[in-house]
Protein backbone atom coordinates (compact mmCIF):
# COMPACT_ATOMS: atom_id res chain seq x y z
CA MET A 1 104.90 81.65 -21.64
CA GLN A 2 104.11 84.95 -19.92
CA PRO A 3 104.41 87.95 -22.26
CA ASP A 4 106.73 90.83 -21.37
CA ILE A 5 103.97 93.25 -22.41
CA SER A 6 100.30 92.36 -21.94
CA VAL A 7 97.52 94.74 -22.99
CA LYS A 8 93.89 93.77 -22.43
CA HIS A 9 90.84 95.77 -23.56
CA LEU A 10 92.73 99.07 -23.37
CA ASN A 11 90.83 102.28 -24.09
CA LYS A 12 91.92 105.90 -24.00
CA SER A 13 89.50 108.83 -24.35
CA TYR A 14 90.28 112.51 -23.94
CA GLN A 15 88.10 115.35 -22.75
CA GLY A 16 86.03 116.43 -25.68
CA GLY A 17 85.19 112.86 -26.60
CA PHE A 18 88.11 111.90 -28.86
CA GLN A 19 88.93 108.20 -28.41
CA ALA A 20 92.60 107.60 -29.19
CA LEU A 21 92.60 103.85 -28.41
CA LYS A 22 89.70 101.44 -28.84
CA ASP A 23 89.71 98.04 -27.11
CA VAL A 24 93.38 97.32 -27.81
CA ASN A 25 94.57 93.77 -27.05
CA LEU A 26 98.23 92.91 -27.57
CA ASP A 27 100.86 90.50 -26.19
CA ILE A 28 104.58 90.98 -26.84
CA TYR A 29 106.96 88.21 -25.82
CA SER A 30 110.44 88.11 -24.35
CA GLY A 31 113.35 88.55 -26.75
CA GLU A 32 111.37 89.52 -29.84
CA ILE A 33 111.50 92.62 -32.01
CA PHE A 34 107.93 93.81 -32.45
CA ALA A 35 107.22 96.57 -34.99
CA LEU A 36 104.13 98.70 -34.51
CA LEU A 37 103.09 100.34 -37.76
CA GLY A 38 100.38 102.86 -38.47
CA PRO A 39 99.77 106.22 -40.13
CA ASN A 40 100.14 109.50 -38.24
CA GLY A 41 97.47 109.84 -35.56
CA ALA A 42 96.73 106.10 -35.46
CA GLY A 43 97.55 105.82 -31.74
CA LYS A 44 101.11 104.41 -31.73
CA THR A 45 102.64 106.97 -29.39
CA THR A 46 99.56 107.01 -27.15
CA LEU A 47 99.80 103.24 -26.70
CA ILE A 48 103.51 103.40 -25.88
CA SER A 49 102.99 106.33 -23.49
CA ILE A 50 100.34 104.41 -21.55
CA ILE A 51 102.51 101.29 -21.23
CA CYS A 52 105.42 103.44 -20.03
CA GLY A 53 103.28 105.23 -17.45
CA ILE A 54 103.43 108.66 -19.10
CA VAL A 55 99.73 108.84 -20.06
CA ASN A 56 96.83 107.53 -17.96
CA LYS A 57 94.54 104.95 -19.52
CA THR A 58 90.75 105.30 -19.44
CA ASP A 59 90.19 101.61 -18.75
CA GLY A 60 91.66 98.19 -19.46
CA GLU A 61 94.65 96.30 -18.08
CA VAL A 62 98.31 96.74 -18.95
CA LYS A 63 101.21 94.73 -17.54
CA ALA A 64 104.95 95.12 -18.13
CA ALA A 65 107.29 92.30 -17.07
CA GLY A 66 104.32 90.81 -15.22
CA TYR A 67 103.62 93.97 -13.19
CA ASP A 68 100.43 96.02 -13.46
CA ILE A 69 101.45 99.51 -14.62
CA VAL A 70 99.12 101.15 -12.06
CA ARG A 71 99.21 98.92 -8.98
CA ASN A 72 102.92 98.10 -9.36
CA TYR A 73 104.05 101.25 -11.13
CA ARG A 74 107.61 101.32 -9.82
CA GLN A 75 108.43 97.70 -10.72
CA ALA A 76 106.77 98.00 -14.13
CA ARG A 77 108.54 101.24 -15.00
CA GLU A 78 111.90 99.89 -13.85
CA ALA A 79 111.58 97.08 -16.40
CA ILE A 80 111.15 99.56 -19.28
CA GLY A 81 113.56 101.72 -21.23
CA LEU A 82 112.04 104.37 -23.49
CA VAL A 83 113.64 106.23 -26.38
CA PRO A 84 111.11 108.92 -27.34
CA GLN A 85 110.69 110.30 -30.82
CA GLU A 86 111.81 113.81 -29.87
CA LEU A 87 115.41 114.47 -28.91
CA HIS A 88 115.42 115.65 -25.29
CA THR A 89 118.94 115.75 -23.91
CA ASP A 90 120.83 117.73 -21.29
CA SER A 91 122.85 119.65 -23.87
CA PHE A 92 125.52 120.94 -21.50
CA GLU A 93 126.07 117.57 -19.80
CA LYS A 94 128.85 115.25 -20.81
CA VAL A 95 127.78 111.92 -22.29
CA TRP A 96 129.09 109.82 -19.38
CA ASP A 97 127.44 112.05 -16.76
CA ALA A 98 124.07 112.12 -18.54
CA VAL A 99 123.88 108.35 -18.91
CA SER A 100 125.04 107.72 -15.34
CA PHE A 101 122.48 110.21 -14.01
CA SER A 102 119.67 108.42 -15.87
CA ARG A 103 120.61 105.20 -14.08
CA GLY A 104 120.39 106.97 -10.73
CA LEU A 105 116.88 108.19 -11.49
CA PHE A 106 115.70 104.59 -11.15
CA GLY A 107 117.37 104.21 -7.76
CA LYS A 108 120.06 101.95 -9.16
CA PRO A 109 123.50 102.04 -7.51
CA PRO A 110 126.45 103.20 -9.65
CA LYS A 111 127.73 100.55 -12.04
CA PRO A 112 130.51 102.05 -14.19
CA GLU A 113 131.22 98.77 -15.98
CA HIS A 114 127.64 98.66 -17.30
CA ILE A 115 127.75 102.29 -18.46
CA GLU A 116 131.06 101.57 -20.20
CA LYS A 117 129.59 98.53 -21.97
CA VAL A 118 126.53 100.48 -23.14
CA LEU A 119 128.63 103.33 -24.50
CA LYS A 120 130.96 100.93 -26.30
CA ASP A 121 128.05 98.96 -27.77
CA LEU A 122 126.61 102.22 -29.11
CA SER A 123 129.97 103.47 -30.46
CA LEU A 124 129.86 106.33 -27.95
CA TRP A 125 132.92 105.43 -25.87
CA ASP A 126 135.18 107.91 -27.68
CA LYS A 127 132.55 110.61 -27.05
CA ARG A 128 132.08 109.90 -23.34
CA ASN A 129 133.69 113.19 -22.26
CA ASN A 130 132.05 115.30 -24.97
CA ARG A 131 129.20 117.64 -24.17
CA ILE A 132 125.99 116.42 -25.78
CA MET A 133 125.45 119.76 -27.51
CA SER A 134 128.60 119.14 -29.58
CA LEU A 135 127.34 115.84 -31.04
CA SER A 136 125.62 115.21 -34.36
CA GLY A 137 121.92 114.37 -34.48
CA GLY A 138 122.64 110.68 -34.97
CA MET A 139 125.02 110.60 -32.00
CA LYS A 140 122.49 112.44 -29.82
CA ARG A 141 119.96 109.74 -30.64
CA ARG A 142 122.49 107.11 -29.58
CA VAL A 143 122.87 108.96 -26.28
CA MET A 144 119.08 108.74 -25.86
CA ILE A 145 119.30 104.97 -26.33
CA ALA A 146 122.21 104.75 -23.88
CA LYS A 147 120.17 106.65 -21.26
CA ALA A 148 117.24 104.28 -21.81
CA LEU A 149 119.54 101.28 -21.29
CA SER A 150 121.38 102.72 -18.29
CA HIS A 151 119.20 100.98 -15.68
CA GLU A 152 119.36 97.58 -17.45
CA PRO A 153 115.71 97.27 -18.52
CA ARG A 154 114.41 94.03 -20.03
CA ILE A 155 112.02 95.91 -22.35
CA LEU A 156 113.05 98.72 -24.71
CA PHE A 157 110.66 101.01 -26.58
CA LEU A 158 112.04 102.78 -29.64
CA ASP A 159 109.65 105.45 -30.92
CA GLU A 160 110.83 106.38 -34.44
CA PRO A 161 114.49 105.63 -33.51
CA THR A 162 116.02 106.53 -36.87
CA ALA A 163 113.96 109.63 -37.68
CA GLY A 164 116.31 112.17 -39.23
CA VAL A 165 119.23 109.75 -39.32
CA ASP A 166 121.19 109.16 -42.53
CA VAL A 167 121.02 105.79 -44.29
CA GLU A 168 124.46 104.56 -43.16
CA LEU A 169 123.81 105.38 -39.51
CA ARG A 170 120.34 103.86 -39.75
CA ARG A 171 121.82 100.52 -40.77
CA ASP A 172 124.35 100.76 -37.92
CA MET A 173 121.47 101.24 -35.52
CA TRP A 174 119.63 98.24 -36.98
CA GLU A 175 122.67 96.13 -36.20
CA MET A 176 122.78 97.56 -32.68
CA VAL A 177 119.12 96.69 -32.11
CA ARG A 178 119.75 93.11 -33.22
CA LYS A 179 122.58 92.83 -30.69
CA LEU A 180 120.28 94.08 -27.94
CA ARG A 181 117.77 91.39 -28.86
CA GLU A 182 120.53 88.77 -28.80
CA ASN A 183 121.26 89.87 -25.23
CA GLY A 184 117.65 89.11 -24.29
CA THR A 185 116.09 92.57 -24.54
CA THR A 186 112.50 92.74 -25.77
CA ILE A 187 112.22 95.55 -28.32
CA ILE A 188 109.10 97.39 -29.43
CA LEU A 189 109.68 99.61 -32.43
CA THR A 190 107.49 102.22 -34.08
CA THR A 191 108.66 103.48 -37.42
CA HIS A 192 107.63 105.31 -40.58
CA TYR A 193 110.38 103.50 -42.48
CA ILE A 194 108.67 100.34 -43.70
CA GLU A 195 112.00 98.82 -44.76
CA GLU A 196 113.07 99.12 -41.12
CA ALA A 197 110.26 96.80 -40.01
CA GLU A 198 110.85 94.52 -42.99
CA GLU A 199 114.55 94.30 -42.14
CA MET A 200 114.34 93.78 -38.37
CA ALA A 201 110.95 92.76 -37.00
CA ASP A 202 109.95 89.27 -35.91
CA ARG A 203 106.29 90.25 -35.68
CA ILE A 204 104.32 93.21 -36.97
CA GLY A 205 101.25 94.92 -35.56
CA VAL A 206 99.23 97.43 -37.57
CA ILE A 207 97.18 100.07 -35.77
CA ARG A 208 94.60 102.24 -37.50
CA GLU A 209 92.26 104.80 -35.92
CA GLY A 210 93.07 103.52 -32.44
CA LYS A 211 92.42 99.85 -33.21
CA ILE A 212 94.88 96.99 -33.70
CA ILE A 213 93.74 95.60 -37.04
CA LEU A 214 96.42 92.94 -37.46
CA VAL A 215 99.23 91.18 -35.56
CA GLU A 216 101.23 88.66 -37.55
CA GLU A 217 104.68 87.18 -37.93
CA LYS A 218 106.43 89.20 -40.61
CA ASN A 219 107.15 86.31 -42.96
CA GLN A 220 103.62 84.91 -42.63
CA LEU A 221 102.14 88.36 -43.25
CA MET A 222 104.14 88.82 -46.42
CA SER A 223 103.25 85.31 -47.57
CA LYS A 224 99.52 85.62 -46.85
CA LEU A 225 98.90 89.16 -48.07
CA GLY A 226 101.62 89.55 -50.66
CA LYS A 227 101.32 89.28 -54.41
CA LYS A 228 103.77 87.88 -56.90
CA GLU A 229 104.37 89.34 -60.31
CA LEU A 230 105.82 87.60 -63.37
CA ARG A 231 107.04 89.98 -66.06
CA LEU A 232 107.80 88.52 -69.51
CA HIS A 233 110.00 90.55 -71.87
CA LEU A 234 108.79 89.73 -75.39
CA GLN A 235 110.81 89.32 -78.59
CA GLN A 236 108.12 91.01 -80.67
CA LYS A 237 105.75 93.83 -79.82
CA LEU A 238 102.08 92.98 -79.17
CA ASP A 239 99.21 95.37 -79.87
CA LYS A 240 96.90 93.72 -77.35
CA VAL A 241 96.64 90.74 -75.00
CA PRO A 242 95.77 87.66 -77.13
CA GLY A 243 92.23 86.40 -76.66
CA GLU A 244 93.44 83.09 -75.24
CA LEU A 245 94.99 85.02 -72.32
CA THR A 246 92.14 87.38 -71.49
CA LEU A 247 90.81 85.02 -68.80
CA GLU A 248 94.16 85.22 -66.98
CA PRO A 249 95.26 88.19 -64.77
CA VAL A 250 97.57 89.38 -67.55
CA GLU A 251 98.28 92.97 -68.59
CA LEU A 252 100.25 94.37 -71.51
CA SER A 253 102.79 97.12 -70.85
CA ASP A 254 102.30 100.47 -72.56
CA ASP A 255 105.13 99.81 -75.00
CA GLY A 256 103.71 96.38 -75.93
CA TYR A 257 106.94 94.53 -75.15
CA GLN A 258 106.01 93.11 -71.74
CA LEU A 259 103.30 90.83 -70.40
CA ILE A 260 102.67 91.19 -66.67
CA TYR A 261 101.03 88.28 -64.82
CA THR A 262 99.95 88.83 -61.17
CA PHE A 263 99.05 86.02 -58.79
CA ASP A 264 98.73 85.29 -55.06
CA ALA A 265 102.02 84.45 -53.38
CA GLN A 266 100.41 81.68 -51.33
CA GLU A 267 98.90 79.86 -54.30
CA GLN A 268 100.59 77.16 -56.29
CA GLN A 269 102.27 78.37 -59.46
CA ALA A 270 100.19 76.18 -61.78
CA GLY A 271 98.92 79.36 -63.44
CA VAL A 272 102.45 80.30 -64.46
CA ALA A 273 103.00 76.96 -66.18
CA ARG A 274 99.64 77.30 -67.93
CA LEU A 275 100.54 80.81 -69.09
CA LEU A 276 103.88 79.71 -70.52
CA ARG A 277 102.29 76.77 -72.33
CA THR A 278 99.70 79.07 -73.88
CA LEU A 279 102.40 81.47 -75.05
CA GLY A 280 104.24 78.55 -76.65
CA ASP A 281 101.07 77.38 -78.40
CA LEU A 282 100.54 80.92 -79.73
CA GLY A 283 104.13 81.17 -80.95
CA ILE A 284 104.84 84.18 -78.72
CA GLU A 285 108.50 84.20 -77.81
CA TYR A 286 110.08 85.97 -74.85
CA ARG A 287 113.73 86.81 -74.25
CA ASP A 288 113.66 87.20 -70.47
CA LEU A 289 111.39 86.89 -67.44
CA GLN A 290 111.45 88.40 -63.98
CA THR A 291 109.52 87.72 -60.78
CA ARG A 292 109.02 89.95 -57.76
CA GLU A 293 106.97 89.83 -54.54
CA SER A 294 105.04 92.62 -52.86
CA SER A 295 107.08 94.59 -50.38
CA LEU A 296 105.91 95.13 -46.83
CA GLU A 297 105.26 98.76 -47.77
CA GLU A 298 102.74 97.75 -50.43
CA ILE A 299 101.02 95.39 -47.97
CA PHE A 300 100.94 98.08 -45.27
CA VAL A 301 99.47 100.72 -47.58
CA GLY A 302 96.80 98.25 -48.65
CA LEU A 303 95.90 97.44 -45.04
CA VAL A 304 95.58 101.01 -43.76
CA HIS A 305 93.57 102.16 -46.77
CA ASP A 306 91.35 99.08 -47.09
């Protein structure tokens, strides 16, 4: 299966010697939502800008929809829609005119039925005759997405798509992105909102200091790198962890009323059964227990600081 985006041994260095990207290799496949995570300055926007033909690479090979971004620039760029992080809109233009004009920039003939569908999908149809300057920040960002979809690209880049958007609108946009994927669009997402990647992504890539340090299916990543925690709420206060439990990864809460047992999510839970048996043998009673798994945010923070 040929990937929609193929990056091989990509490097980017600037005058002065700073190397923004270091031997990046990445394949992104048709119809998936791929989340690219990394701290500020890690190289996310540089990577996207190179793929979209905005920034020149130093060396390496990049293909979009099977086309080399240098040798076949026009075909590669036509396959891509880009929603940049910053809001750049023609403030005095009406929504319909701005989106239609964006389609024309790619040499596409007018197709009013497609523009209508895009605006309706993005809940912009009622605003089609409004000037962009009169819209809220969230609606302006939807206009940016509509412009990126105007020429019917098969690949869509969303660089921090919900930055500055309220929680309710963010969830509406998540639903919109899922619908785009259902229609066959390949979506590459960069975000600072870890819950956004956890909610939507099929696969996750982590970039740090210009290097891709991990690419993994989201569920496998959380299974392999996550931790589970069992928290036992005790009937009686303990002053310290009993000696029989000191060999286990068990901690006592500050108030003495909880025992916290941490274990690998991918391991069998034999340790939990052993812990509960030991508590029974010691006559330590508990009134409740809770389990939780590491969130993607905890895994991400551990990766970028490791």
